[in-house]
Amino acid sequence: GYVLQVGDRVFDNSGRHALDQMTGDKPDLATLKTRVEDYKPAANTAE
């Protein structure tokens, strides 16, 4: 994927971002499943 920054706006649609979002703080299986389902690419939704 990629990371695009225009001023303060960051569109992070990288694989590293997705992995960090899902595996931060070493979650258990239930938490990891929730994070995978909730994950949205920052390029579409994030400021």
ModelCIF file with pLDDT and N, C-alpha, C, O atoms, coordinates in Angstrom:
data_MODEL
#
_entry.id   MODEL 
#
_entity.id                         1 
_entity.type                       polymer 
_entity.pdbx_number_of_molecules   1 
#
_entity_poly.entity_id                      1 
_entity_poly.type                           'polypeptide(L)' 
_entity_poly.nstd_linkage                   no 
_entity_poly.nstd_monomer                   no 
_entity_poly.pdbx_seq_one_letter_code       GYVLQVGDRVFDNSGRHALDQMTGDKPDLATLKTRVEDYKPAANTAE 
_entity_poly.pdbx_seq_one_letter_code_can   GYVLQVGDRVFDNSGRHALDQMTGDKPDLATLKTRVEDYKPAANTAE 
_entity_poly.pdbx_strand_id                 A 
#
loop_
_entity_poly_seq.entity_id 
_entity_poly_seq.num 
_entity_poly_seq.mon_id 
_entity_poly_seq.hetero 
1 1  GLY n 
1 2  TYR n 
1 3  VAL n 
1 4  LEU n 
1 5  GLN n 
1 6  VAL n 
1 7  GLY n 
1 8  ASP n 
1 9  ARG n 
1 10 VAL n 
1 11 PHE n 
1 12 ASP n 
1 13 ASN n 
1 14 SER n 
1 15 GLY n 
1 16 ARG n 
1 17 HIS n 
1 18 ALA n 
1 19 LEU n 
1 20 ASP n 
1 21 GLN n 
1 22 MET n 
1 23 THR n 
1 24 GLY n 
1 25 ASP n 
1 26 LYS n 
1 27 PRO n 
1 28 ASP n 
1 29 LEU n 
1 30 ALA n 
1 31 THR n 
1 32 LEU n 
1 33 LYS n 
1 34 THR n 
1 35 ARG n 
1 36 VAL n 
1 37 GLU n 
1 38 ASP n 
1 39 TYR n 
1 40 LYS n 
1 41 PRO n 
1 42 ALA n 
1 43 ALA n 
1 44 ASN n 
1 45 THR n 
1 46 ALA n 
1 47 GLU n 
#
_struct_asym.id          A 
_struct_asym.entity_id   1 
#
loop_
_ma_qa_metric.id 
_ma_qa_metric.mode 
_ma_qa_metric.name 
_ma_qa_metric.software_group_id 
_ma_qa_metric.type 
1 global pLDDT . pLDDT 
2 local  pLDDT . pLDDT 
#
_ma_qa_metric_global.metric_id      1 
_ma_qa_metric_global.metric_value   65.85 
_ma_qa_metric_global.model_id       1 
_ma_qa_metric_global.ordinal_id     1 
#
loop_
_ma_qa_metric_local.label_asym_id 
_ma_qa_metric_local.label_comp_id 
_ma_qa_metric_local.label_seq_id 
_ma_qa_metric_local.metric_id 
_ma_qa_metric_local.metric_value 
_ma_qa_metric_local.model_id 
_ma_qa_metric_local.ordinal_id 
A GLY 1  2 80.00 1 1  
A TYR 2  2 82.00 1 2  
A VAL 3  2 84.00 1 3  
A LEU 4  2 84.00 1 4  
A GLN 5  2 82.00 1 5  
A VAL 6  2 79.00 1 6  
A GLY 7  2 73.00 1 7  
A ASP 8  2 67.00 1 8  
A ARG 9  2 72.00 1 9  
A VAL 10 2 76.00 1 10 
A PHE 11 2 76.00 1 11 
A ASP 12 2 77.00 1 12 
A ASN 13 2 77.00 1 13 
A SER 14 2 80.00 1 14 
A GLY 15 2 78.00 1 15 
A ARG 16 2 78.00 1 16 
A HIS 17 2 74.00 1 17 
A ALA 18 2 73.00 1 18 
A LEU 19 2 75.00 1 19 
A ASP 20 2 73.00 1 20 
A GLN 21 2 66.00 1 21 
A MET 22 2 64.00 1 22 
A THR 23 2 68.00 1 23 
A GLY 24 2 60.00 1 24 
A ASP 25 2 59.00 1 25 
A LYS 26 2 62.00 1 26 
A PRO 27 2 64.00 1 27 
A ASP 28 2 62.00 1 28 
A LEU 29 2 63.00 1 29 
A ALA 30 2 60.00 1 30 
A THR 31 2 62.00 1 31 
A LEU 32 2 60.00 1 32 
A LYS 33 2 62.00 1 33 
A THR 34 2 61.00 1 34 
A ARG 35 2 58.00 1 35 
A VAL 36 2 60.00 1 36 
A GLU 37 2 58.00 1 37 
A ASP 38 2 57.00 1 38 
A TYR 39 2 55.00 1 39 
A LYS 40 2 50.00 1 40 
A PRO 41 2 50.00 1 41 
A ALA 42 2 46.00 1 42 
A ALA 43 2 42.00 1 43 
A ASN 44 2 41.00 1 44 
A THR 45 2 40.00 1 45 
A ALA 46 2 51.00 1 46 
A GLU 47 2 74.00 1 47 
#
loop_
_atom_site.group_PDB 
_atom_site.id 
_atom_site.type_symbol 
_atom_site.label_atom_id 
_atom_site.label_alt_id 
_atom_site.label_comp_id 
_atom_site.label_asym_id 
_atom_site.label_entity_id 
_atom_site.label_seq_id 
_atom_site.pdbx_PDB_ins_code 
_atom_site.Cartn_x 
_atom_site.Cartn_y 
_atom_site.Cartn_z 
_atom_site.occupancy 
_atom_site.B_iso_or_equiv 
_atom_site.pdbx_formal_charge 
_atom_site.auth_seq_id 
_atom_site.auth_comp_id 
_atom_site.auth_asym_id 
_atom_site.auth_atom_id 
_atom_site.pdbx_PDB_model_num 
ATOM 1   N N  . GLY A 1 1  ? 0.811   -1.217  0.000  1.00 80.00 ? 1  GLY A N  1 
ATOM 2   C CA . GLY A 1 1  ? 0.000   0.000   0.000  1.00 80.00 ? 1  GLY A CA 1 
ATOM 3   C C  . GLY A 1 1  ? 0.843   1.266   0.000  1.00 80.00 ? 1  GLY A C  1 
ATOM 4   O O  . GLY A 1 1  ? 1.963   1.287   -0.512 1.00 80.00 ? 1  GLY A O  1 
ATOM 5   N N  . TYR A 1 2  ? 0.280   2.327   0.589  1.00 82.00 ? 2  TYR A N  1 
ATOM 6   C CA . TYR A 1 2  ? 0.937   3.637   0.546  1.00 82.00 ? 2  TYR A CA 1 
ATOM 7   C C  . TYR A 1 2  ? 0.495   4.495   1.722  1.00 82.00 ? 2  TYR A C  1 
ATOM 8   O O  . TYR A 1 2  ? -0.488  4.197   2.401  1.00 82.00 ? 2  TYR A O  1 
ATOM 9   N N  . VAL A 1 3  ? 1.254   5.578   1.944  1.00 84.00 ? 3  VAL A N  1 
ATOM 10  C CA . VAL A 1 3  ? 0.890   6.618   2.903  1.00 84.00 ? 3  VAL A CA 1 
ATOM 11  C C  . VAL A 1 3  ? 0.964   7.949   2.178  1.00 84.00 ? 3  VAL A C  1 
ATOM 12  O O  . VAL A 1 3  ? 2.003   8.306   1.622  1.00 84.00 ? 3  VAL A O  1 
ATOM 13  N N  . LEU A 1 4  ? -0.137  8.678   2.185  1.00 84.00 ? 4  LEU A N  1 
ATOM 14  C CA . LEU A 1 4  ? -0.197  9.985   1.526  1.00 84.00 ? 4  LEU A CA 1 
ATOM 15  C C  . LEU A 1 4  ? -0.466  11.046  2.573  1.00 84.00 ? 4  LEU A C  1 
ATOM 16  O O  . LEU A 1 4  ? -1.421  10.928  3.341  1.00 84.00 ? 4  LEU A O  1 
ATOM 17  N N  . GLN A 1 5  ? 0.373   12.098  2.620  1.00 82.00 ? 5  GLN A N  1 
ATOM 18  C CA . GLN A 1 5  ? 0.139   13.191  3.567  1.00 82.00 ? 5  GLN A CA 1 
ATOM 19  C C  . GLN A 1 5  ? 0.068   14.505  2.810  1.00 82.00 ? 5  GLN A C  1 
ATOM 20  O O  . GLN A 1 5  ? 0.954   14.861  2.034  1.00 82.00 ? 5  GLN A O  1 
ATOM 21  N N  . VAL A 1 6  ? -1.043  15.223  3.074  1.00 79.00 ? 6  VAL A N  1 
ATOM 22  C CA . VAL A 1 6  ? -1.232  16.566  2.536  1.00 79.00 ? 6  VAL A CA 1 
ATOM 23  C C  . VAL A 1 6  ? -1.444  17.477  3.735  1.00 79.00 ? 6  VAL A C  1 
ATOM 24  O O  . VAL A 1 6  ? -2.540  17.536  4.294  1.00 79.00 ? 6  VAL A O  1 
ATOM 25  N N  . GLY A 1 7  ? -0.406  18.178  4.122  1.00 73.00 ? 7  GLY A N  1 
ATOM 26  C CA . GLY A 1 7  ? -0.497  18.999  5.321  1.00 73.00 ? 7  GLY A CA 1 
ATOM 27  C C  . GLY A 1 7  ? -0.705  18.117  6.542  1.00 73.00 ? 7  GLY A C  1 
ATOM 28  O O  . GLY A 1 7  ? 0.079   17.201  6.789  1.00 73.00 ? 7  GLY A O  1 
ATOM 29  N N  . ASP A 1 8  ? -1.765  18.389  7.310  1.00 67.00 ? 8  ASP A N  1 
ATOM 30  C CA . ASP A 1 8  ? -2.053  17.620  8.519  1.00 67.00 ? 8  ASP A CA 1 
ATOM 31  C C  . ASP A 1 8  ? -2.855  16.364  8.230  1.00 67.00 ? 8  ASP A C  1 
ATOM 32  O O  . ASP A 1 8  ? -2.998  15.511  9.106  1.00 67.00 ? 8  ASP A O  1 
ATOM 33  N N  . ARG A 1 9  ? -3.372  16.236  7.039  1.00 72.00 ? 9  ARG A N  1 
ATOM 34  C CA . ARG A 1 9  ? -4.200  15.070  6.719  1.00 72.00 ? 9  ARG A CA 1 
ATOM 35  C C  . ARG A 1 9  ? -3.332  13.904  6.279  1.00 72.00 ? 9  ARG A C  1 
ATOM 36  O O  . ARG A 1 9  ? -2.485  14.040  5.396  1.00 72.00 ? 9  ARG A O  1 
ATOM 37  N N  . VAL A 1 10 ? -3.552  12.765  6.903  1.00 76.00 ? 10 VAL A N  1 
ATOM 38  C CA . VAL A 1 10 ? -2.772  11.559  6.605  1.00 76.00 ? 10 VAL A CA 1 
ATOM 39  C C  . VAL A 1 10 ? -3.718  10.485  6.090  1.00 76.00 ? 10 VAL A C  1 
ATOM 40  O O  . VAL A 1 10 ? -4.697  10.133  6.749  1.00 76.00 ? 10 VAL A O  1 
ATOM 41  N N  . PHE A 1 11 ? -3.416  9.971   4.909  1.00 76.00 ? 11 PHE A N  1 
ATOM 42  C CA . PHE A 1 11 ? -4.179  8.853   4.344  1.00 76.00 ? 11 PHE A CA 1 
ATOM 43  C C  . PHE A 1 11 ? -3.251  7.637   4.380  1.00 76.00 ? 11 PHE A C  1 
ATOM 44  O O  . PHE A 1 11 ? -2.394  7.469   3.512  1.00 76.00 ? 11 PHE A O  1 
ATOM 45  N N  . ASP A 1 12 ? -3.437  6.802   5.391  1.00 77.00 ? 12 ASP A N  1 
ATOM 46  C CA . ASP A 1 12 ? -2.539  5.667   5.591  1.00 77.00 ? 12 ASP A CA 1 
ATOM 47  C C  . ASP A 1 12 ? -3.235  4.378   5.189  1.00 77.00 ? 12 ASP A C  1 
ATOM 48  O O  . ASP A 1 12 ? -4.073  3.852   5.922  1.00 77.00 ? 12 ASP A O  1 
ATOM 49  N N  . ASN A 1 13 ? -2.878  3.882   4.024  1.00 77.00 ? 13 ASN A N  1 
ATOM 50  C CA . ASN A 1 13 ? -3.462  2.640   3.524  1.00 77.00 ? 13 ASN A CA 1 
ATOM 51  C C  . ASN A 1 13 ? -2.370  1.595   3.351  1.00 77.00 ? 13 ASN A C  1 
ATOM 52  O O  . ASN A 1 13 ? -2.371  0.820   2.395  1.00 77.00 ? 13 ASN A O  1 
ATOM 53  N N  . SER A 1 14 ? -1.439  1.592   4.299  1.00 80.00 ? 14 SER A N  1 
ATOM 54  C CA . SER A 1 14 ? -0.299  0.680   4.194  1.00 80.00 ? 14 SER A CA 1 
ATOM 55  C C  . SER A 1 14 ? -0.562  -0.606  4.958  1.00 80.00 ? 14 SER A C  1 
ATOM 56  O O  . SER A 1 14 ? -1.388  -0.646  5.870  1.00 80.00 ? 14 SER A O  1 
ATOM 57  N N  . GLY A 1 15 ? 0.147   -1.646  4.576  1.00 78.00 ? 15 GLY A N  1 
ATOM 58  C CA . GLY A 1 15 ? 0.046   -2.915  5.295  1.00 78.00 ? 15 GLY A CA 1 
ATOM 59  C C  . GLY A 1 15 ? 0.576   -2.810  6.711  1.00 78.00 ? 15 GLY A C  1 
ATOM 60  O O  . GLY A 1 15 ? 0.061   -3.459  7.621  1.00 78.00 ? 15 GLY A O  1 
ATOM 61  N N  . ARG A 1 16 ? 1.620   -1.984  6.904  1.00 78.00 ? 16 ARG A N  1 
ATOM 62  C CA . ARG A 1 16 ? 2.177   -1.819  8.248  1.00 78.00 ? 16 ARG A CA 1 
ATOM 63  C C  . ARG A 1 16 ? 1.150   -1.206  9.191  1.00 78.00 ? 16 ARG A C  1 
ATOM 64  O O  . ARG A 1 16 ? 1.044   -1.614  10.348 1.00 78.00 ? 16 ARG A O  1 
ATOM 65  N N  . HIS A 1 17 ? 0.379   -0.210  8.692  1.00 74.00 ? 17 HIS A N  1 
ATOM 66  C CA . HIS A 1 17 ? -0.651  0.424   9.508  1.00 74.00 ? 17 HIS A CA 1 
ATOM 67  C C  . HIS A 1 17 ? -1.721  -0.587  9.909  1.00 74.00 ? 17 HIS A C  1 
ATOM 68  O O  . HIS A 1 17 ? -2.156  -0.632  11.060 1.00 74.00 ? 17 HIS A O  1 
ATOM 69  N N  . ALA A 1 18 ? -2.134  -1.394  8.936  1.00 73.00 ? 18 ALA A N  1 
ATOM 70  C CA . ALA A 1 18 ? -3.158  -2.404  9.234  1.00 73.00 ? 18 ALA A CA 1 
ATOM 71  C C  . ALA A 1 18 ? -2.660  -3.391  10.277 1.00 73.00 ? 18 ALA A C  1 
ATOM 72  O O  . ALA A 1 18 ? -3.394  -3.755  11.197 1.00 73.00 ? 18 ALA A O  1 
ATOM 73  N N  . LEU A 1 19 ? -1.412  -3.823  10.134 1.00 75.00 ? 19 LEU A N  1 
ATOM 74  C CA . LEU A 1 19 ? -0.847  -4.788  11.066 1.00 75.00 ? 19 LEU A CA 1 
ATOM 75  C C  . LEU A 1 19 ? -0.713  -4.197  12.466 1.00 75.00 ? 19 LEU A C  1 
ATOM 76  O O  . LEU A 1 19 ? -1.016  -4.859  13.459 1.00 75.00 ? 19 LEU A O  1 
ATOM 77  N N  . ASP A 1 20 ? -0.254  -2.940  12.540 1.00 73.00 ? 20 ASP A N  1 
ATOM 78  C CA . ASP A 1 20 ? -0.116  -2.282  13.841 1.00 73.00 ? 20 ASP A CA 1 
ATOM 79  C C  . ASP A 1 20 ? -1.458  -2.124  14.527 1.00 73.00 ? 20 ASP A C  1 
ATOM 80  O O  . ASP A 1 20 ? -1.571  -2.313  15.738 1.00 73.00 ? 20 ASP A O  1 
ATOM 81  N N  . GLN A 1 21 ? -2.483  -1.776  13.744 1.00 66.00 ? 21 GLN A N  1 
ATOM 82  C CA . GLN A 1 21 ? -3.819  -1.588  14.308 1.00 66.00 ? 21 GLN A CA 1 
ATOM 83  C C  . GLN A 1 21 ? -4.359  -2.882  14.905 1.00 66.00 ? 21 GLN A C  1 
ATOM 84  O O  . GLN A 1 21 ? -5.029  -2.879  15.939 1.00 66.00 ? 21 GLN A O  1 
ATOM 85  N N  . MET A 1 22 ? -4.056  -3.979  14.236 1.00 64.00 ? 22 MET A N  1 
ATOM 86  C CA . MET A 1 22 ? -4.650  -5.246  14.655 1.00 64.00 ? 22 MET A CA 1 
ATOM 87  C C  . MET A 1 22 ? -3.870  -5.939  15.771 1.00 64.00 ? 22 MET A C  1 
ATOM 88  O O  . MET A 1 22 ? -4.463  -6.622  16.605 1.00 64.00 ? 22 MET A O  1 
ATOM 89  N N  . THR A 1 23 ? -2.547  -5.770  15.795 1.00 68.00 ? 23 THR A N  1 
ATOM 90  C CA . THR A 1 23 ? -1.729  -6.552  16.721 1.00 68.00 ? 23 THR A CA 1 
ATOM 91  C C  . THR A 1 23 ? -1.120  -5.721  17.834 1.00 68.00 ? 23 THR A C  1 
ATOM 92  O O  . THR A 1 23 ? -0.316  -6.235  18.612 1.00 68.00 ? 23 THR A O  1 
ATOM 93  N N  . GLY A 1 24 ? -1.487  -4.437  17.932 1.00 60.00 ? 24 GLY A N  1 
ATOM 94  C CA . GLY A 1 24 ? -0.952  -3.614  19.012 1.00 60.00 ? 24 GLY A CA 1 
ATOM 95  C C  . GLY A 1 24 ? -1.275  -4.205  20.371 1.00 60.00 ? 24 GLY A C  1 
ATOM 96  O O  . GLY A 1 24 ? -2.359  -4.762  20.547 1.00 60.00 ? 24 GLY A O  1 
ATOM 97  N N  . ASP A 1 25 ? -0.395  -4.105  21.318 1.00 59.00 ? 25 ASP A N  1 
ATOM 98  C CA . ASP A 1 25 ? -0.480  -4.596  22.708 1.00 59.00 ? 25 ASP A CA 1 
ATOM 99  C C  . ASP A 1 25 ? -0.731  -6.104  22.818 1.00 59.00 ? 25 ASP A C  1 
ATOM 100 O O  . ASP A 1 25 ? -1.238  -6.577  23.835 1.00 59.00 ? 25 ASP A O  1 
ATOM 101 N N  . LYS A 1 26 ? -0.370  -6.872  21.751 1.00 62.00 ? 26 LYS A N  1 
ATOM 102 C CA . LYS A 1 26 ? -0.450  -8.336  21.767 1.00 62.00 ? 26 LYS A CA 1 
ATOM 103 C C  . LYS A 1 26 ? -1.817  -8.835  22.243 1.00 62.00 ? 26 LYS A C  1 
ATOM 104 O O  . LYS A 1 26 ? -1.911  -9.441  23.311 1.00 62.00 ? 26 LYS A O  1 
ATOM 105 N N  . PRO A 1 27 ? -2.880  -8.587  21.465 1.00 64.00 ? 27 PRO A N  1 
ATOM 106 C CA . PRO A 1 27 ? -4.238  -8.949  21.913 1.00 64.00 ? 27 PRO A CA 1 
ATOM 107 C C  . PRO A 1 27 ? -4.472  -10.449 21.892 1.00 64.00 ? 27 PRO A C  1 
ATOM 108 O O  . PRO A 1 27 ? -3.756  -11.200 21.229 1.00 64.00 ? 27 PRO A O  1 
ATOM 109 N N  . ASP A 1 28 ? -5.509  -10.876 22.646 1.00 62.00 ? 28 ASP A N  1 
ATOM 110 C CA . ASP A 1 28 ? -5.907  -12.273 22.564 1.00 62.00 ? 28 ASP A CA 1 
ATOM 111 C C  . ASP A 1 28 ? -6.694  -12.490 21.271 1.00 62.00 ? 28 ASP A C  1 
ATOM 112 O O  . ASP A 1 28 ? -6.928  -11.551 20.510 1.00 62.00 ? 28 ASP A O  1 
ATOM 113 N N  . LEU A 1 29 ? -7.092  -13.721 21.036 1.00 63.00 ? 29 LEU A N  1 
ATOM 114 C CA . LEU A 1 29 ? -7.735  -14.063 19.765 1.00 63.00 ? 29 LEU A CA 1 
ATOM 115 C C  . LEU A 1 29 ? -9.042  -13.300 19.552 1.00 63.00 ? 29 LEU A C  1 
ATOM 116 O O  . LEU A 1 29 ? -9.336  -12.852 18.443 1.00 63.00 ? 29 LEU A O  1 
ATOM 117 N N  . ALA A 1 30 ? -9.837  -13.156 20.647 1.00 60.00 ? 30 ALA A N  1 
ATOM 118 C CA . ALA A 1 30 ? -11.133 -12.470 20.526 1.00 60.00 ? 30 ALA A CA 1 
ATOM 119 C C  . ALA A 1 30 ? -10.932 -11.005 20.151 1.00 60.00 ? 30 ALA A C  1 
ATOM 120 O O  . ALA A 1 30 ? -11.646 -10.479 19.298 1.00 60.00 ? 30 ALA A O  1 
ATOM 121 N N  . THR A 1 31 ? -9.959  -10.342 20.787 1.00 62.00 ? 31 THR A N  1 
ATOM 122 C CA . THR A 1 31 ? -9.696  -8.937  20.495 1.00 62.00 ? 31 THR A CA 1 
ATOM 123 C C  . THR A 1 31 ? -9.162  -8.777  19.087 1.00 62.00 ? 31 THR A C  1 
ATOM 124 O O  . THR A 1 31 ? -9.549  -7.849  18.377 1.00 62.00 ? 31 THR A O  1 
ATOM 125 N N  . LEU A 1 32 ? -8.268  -9.681  18.671 1.00 60.00 ? 32 LEU A N  1 
ATOM 126 C CA . LEU A 1 32 ? -7.696  -9.607  17.325 1.00 60.00 ? 32 LEU A CA 1 
ATOM 127 C C  . LEU A 1 32 ? -8.784  -9.753  16.267 1.00 60.00 ? 32 LEU A C  1 
ATOM 128 O O  . LEU A 1 32 ? -8.778  -9.057  15.252 1.00 60.00 ? 32 LEU A O  1 
ATOM 129 N N  . LYS A 1 33 ? -9.728  -10.680 16.521 1.00 62.00 ? 33 LYS A N  1 
ATOM 130 C CA . LYS A 1 33 ? -10.829 -10.869 15.569 1.00 62.00 ? 33 LYS A CA 1 
ATOM 131 C C  . LYS A 1 33 ? -11.658 -9.604  15.436 1.00 62.00 ? 33 LYS A C  1 
ATOM 132 O O  . LYS A 1 33 ? -12.046 -9.226  14.330 1.00 62.00 ? 33 LYS A O  1 
ATOM 133 N N  . THR A 1 34 ? -11.937 -8.936  16.573 1.00 61.00 ? 34 THR A N  1 
ATOM 134 C CA . THR A 1 34 ? -12.703 -7.691  16.546 1.00 61.00 ? 34 THR A CA 1 
ATOM 135 C C  . THR A 1 34 ? -11.958 -6.613  15.773 1.00 61.00 ? 34 THR A C  1 
ATOM 136 O O  . THR A 1 34 ? -12.560 -5.874  14.994 1.00 61.00 ? 34 THR A O  1 
ATOM 137 N N  . ARG A 1 35 ? -10.655 -6.522  15.987 1.00 58.00 ? 35 ARG A N  1 
ATOM 138 C CA . ARG A 1 35 ? -9.869  -5.488  15.306 1.00 58.00 ? 35 ARG A CA 1 
ATOM 139 C C  . ARG A 1 35 ? -9.805  -5.732  13.800 1.00 58.00 ? 35 ARG A C  1 
ATOM 140 O O  . ARG A 1 35 ? -9.847  -4.784  13.016 1.00 58.00 ? 35 ARG A O  1 
ATOM 141 N N  . VAL A 1 36 ? -9.704  -6.990  13.395 1.00 60.00 ? 36 VAL A N  1 
ATOM 142 C CA . VAL A 1 36 ? -9.689  -7.297  11.963 1.00 60.00 ? 36 VAL A CA 1 
ATOM 143 C C  . VAL A 1 36 ? -11.007 -6.888  11.325 1.00 60.00 ? 36 VAL A C  1 
ATOM 144 O O  . VAL A 1 36 ? -11.028 -6.334  10.226 1.00 60.00 ? 36 VAL A O  1 
ATOM 145 N N  . GLU A 1 37 ? -12.126 -7.168  12.032 1.00 58.00 ? 37 GLU A N  1 
ATOM 146 C CA . GLU A 1 37 ? -13.444 -6.827  11.484 1.00 58.00 ? 37 GLU A CA 1 
ATOM 147 C C  . GLU A 1 37 ? -13.658 -5.314  11.449 1.00 58.00 ? 37 GLU A C  1 
ATOM 148 O O  . GLU A 1 37 ? -14.303 -4.795  10.538 1.00 58.00 ? 37 GLU A O  1 
ATOM 149 N N  . ASP A 1 38 ? -13.112 -4.606  12.449 1.00 57.00 ? 38 ASP A N  1 
ATOM 150 C CA . ASP A 1 38 ? -13.335 -3.160  12.540 1.00 57.00 ? 38 ASP A CA 1 
ATOM 151 C C  . ASP A 1 38 ? -12.378 -2.344  11.676 1.00 57.00 ? 38 ASP A C  1 
ATOM 152 O O  . ASP A 1 38 ? -12.607 -1.157  11.445 1.00 57.00 ? 38 ASP A O  1 
ATOM 153 N N  . TYR A 1 39 ? -11.298 -2.980  11.193 1.00 55.00 ? 39 TYR A N  1 
ATOM 154 C CA . TYR A 1 39 ? -10.268 -2.209  10.505 1.00 55.00 ? 39 TYR A CA 1 
ATOM 155 C C  . TYR A 1 39 ? -10.798 -1.583  9.223  1.00 55.00 ? 39 TYR A C  1 
ATOM 156 O O  . TYR A 1 39 ? -11.456 -2.242  8.418  1.00 55.00 ? 39 TYR A O  1 
ATOM 157 N N  . LYS A 1 40 ? -10.500 -0.297  9.049  1.00 50.00 ? 40 LYS A N  1 
ATOM 158 C CA . LYS A 1 40 ? -10.825 0.422   7.821  1.00 50.00 ? 40 LYS A CA 1 
ATOM 159 C C  . LYS A 1 40 ? -9.569  1.163   7.372  1.00 50.00 ? 40 LYS A C  1 
ATOM 160 O O  . LYS A 1 40 ? -8.903  1.781   8.202  1.00 50.00 ? 40 LYS A O  1 
ATOM 161 N N  . PRO A 1 41 ? -9.228  1.119   6.097  1.00 50.00 ? 41 PRO A N  1 
ATOM 162 C CA . PRO A 1 41 ? -8.052  1.846   5.636  1.00 50.00 ? 41 PRO A CA 1 
ATOM 163 C C  . PRO A 1 41 ? -8.180  3.330   5.934  1.00 50.00 ? 41 PRO A C  1 
ATOM 164 O O  . PRO A 1 41 ? -9.219  3.941   5.685  1.00 50.00 ? 41 PRO A O  1 
ATOM 165 N N  . ALA A 1 42 ? -7.115  3.896   6.469  1.00 46.00 ? 42 ALA A N  1 
ATOM 166 C CA . ALA A 1 42 ? -7.148  5.319   6.809  1.00 46.00 ? 42 ALA A CA 1 
ATOM 167 C C  . ALA A 1 42 ? -7.316  6.189   5.580  1.00 46.00 ? 42 ALA A C  1 
ATOM 168 O O  . ALA A 1 42 ? -7.734  7.342   5.690  1.00 46.00 ? 42 ALA A O  1 
ATOM 169 N N  . ALA A 1 43 ? -6.992  5.648   4.399  1.00 42.00 ? 43 ALA A N  1 
ATOM 170 C CA . ALA A 1 43 ? -7.128  6.436   3.185  1.00 42.00 ? 43 ALA A CA 1 
ATOM 171 C C  . ALA A 1 43 ? -8.579  6.777   2.889  1.00 42.00 ? 43 ALA A C  1 
ATOM 172 O O  . ALA A 1 43 ? -8.854  7.758   2.198  1.00 42.00 ? 43 ALA A O  1 
ATOM 173 N N  . ASN A 1 44 ? -9.518  5.978   3.405  1.00 41.00 ? 44 ASN A N  1 
ATOM 174 C CA . ASN A 1 44 ? -10.928 6.218   3.118  1.00 41.00 ? 44 ASN A CA 1 
ATOM 175 C C  . ASN A 1 44 ? -11.621 7.006   4.219  1.00 41.00 ? 44 ASN A C  1 
ATOM 176 O O  . ASN A 1 44 ? -12.552 7.761   3.939  1.00 41.00 ? 44 ASN A O  1 
ATOM 177 N N  . THR A 1 45 ? -11.186 6.847   5.470  1.00 40.00 ? 45 THR A N  1 
ATOM 178 C CA . THR A 1 45 ? -11.992 7.372   6.560  1.00 40.00 ? 45 THR A CA 1 
ATOM 179 C C  . THR A 1 45 ? -11.258 8.310   7.503  1.00 40.00 ? 45 THR A C  1 
ATOM 180 O O  . THR A 1 45 ? -11.897 8.988   8.307  1.00 40.00 ? 45 THR A O  1 
ATOM 181 N N  . ALA A 1 46 ? -9.941  8.367   7.428  1.00 51.00 ? 46 ALA A N  1 
ATOM 182 C CA . ALA A 1 46 ? -9.213  9.025   8.511  1.00 51.00 ? 46 ALA A CA 1 
ATOM 183 C C  . ALA A 1 46 ? -8.715  10.407  8.143  1.00 51.00 ? 46 ALA A C  1 
ATOM 184 O O  . ALA A 1 46 ? -8.380  10.700  6.996  1.00 51.00 ? 46 ALA A O  1 
ATOM 185 N N  . GLU A 1 47 ? -8.681  11.241  9.166  1.00 74.00 ? 47 GLU A N  1 
ATOM 186 C CA . GLU A 1 47 ? -8.043  12.537  9.082  1.00 74.00 ? 47 GLU A CA 1 
ATOM 187 C C  . GLU A 1 47 ? -6.958  12.544  10.142 1.00 74.00 ? 47 GLU A C  1 
ATOM 188 O O  . GLU A 1 47 ? -6.249  13.538  10.293 1.00 74.00 ? 47 GLU A O  1 
#
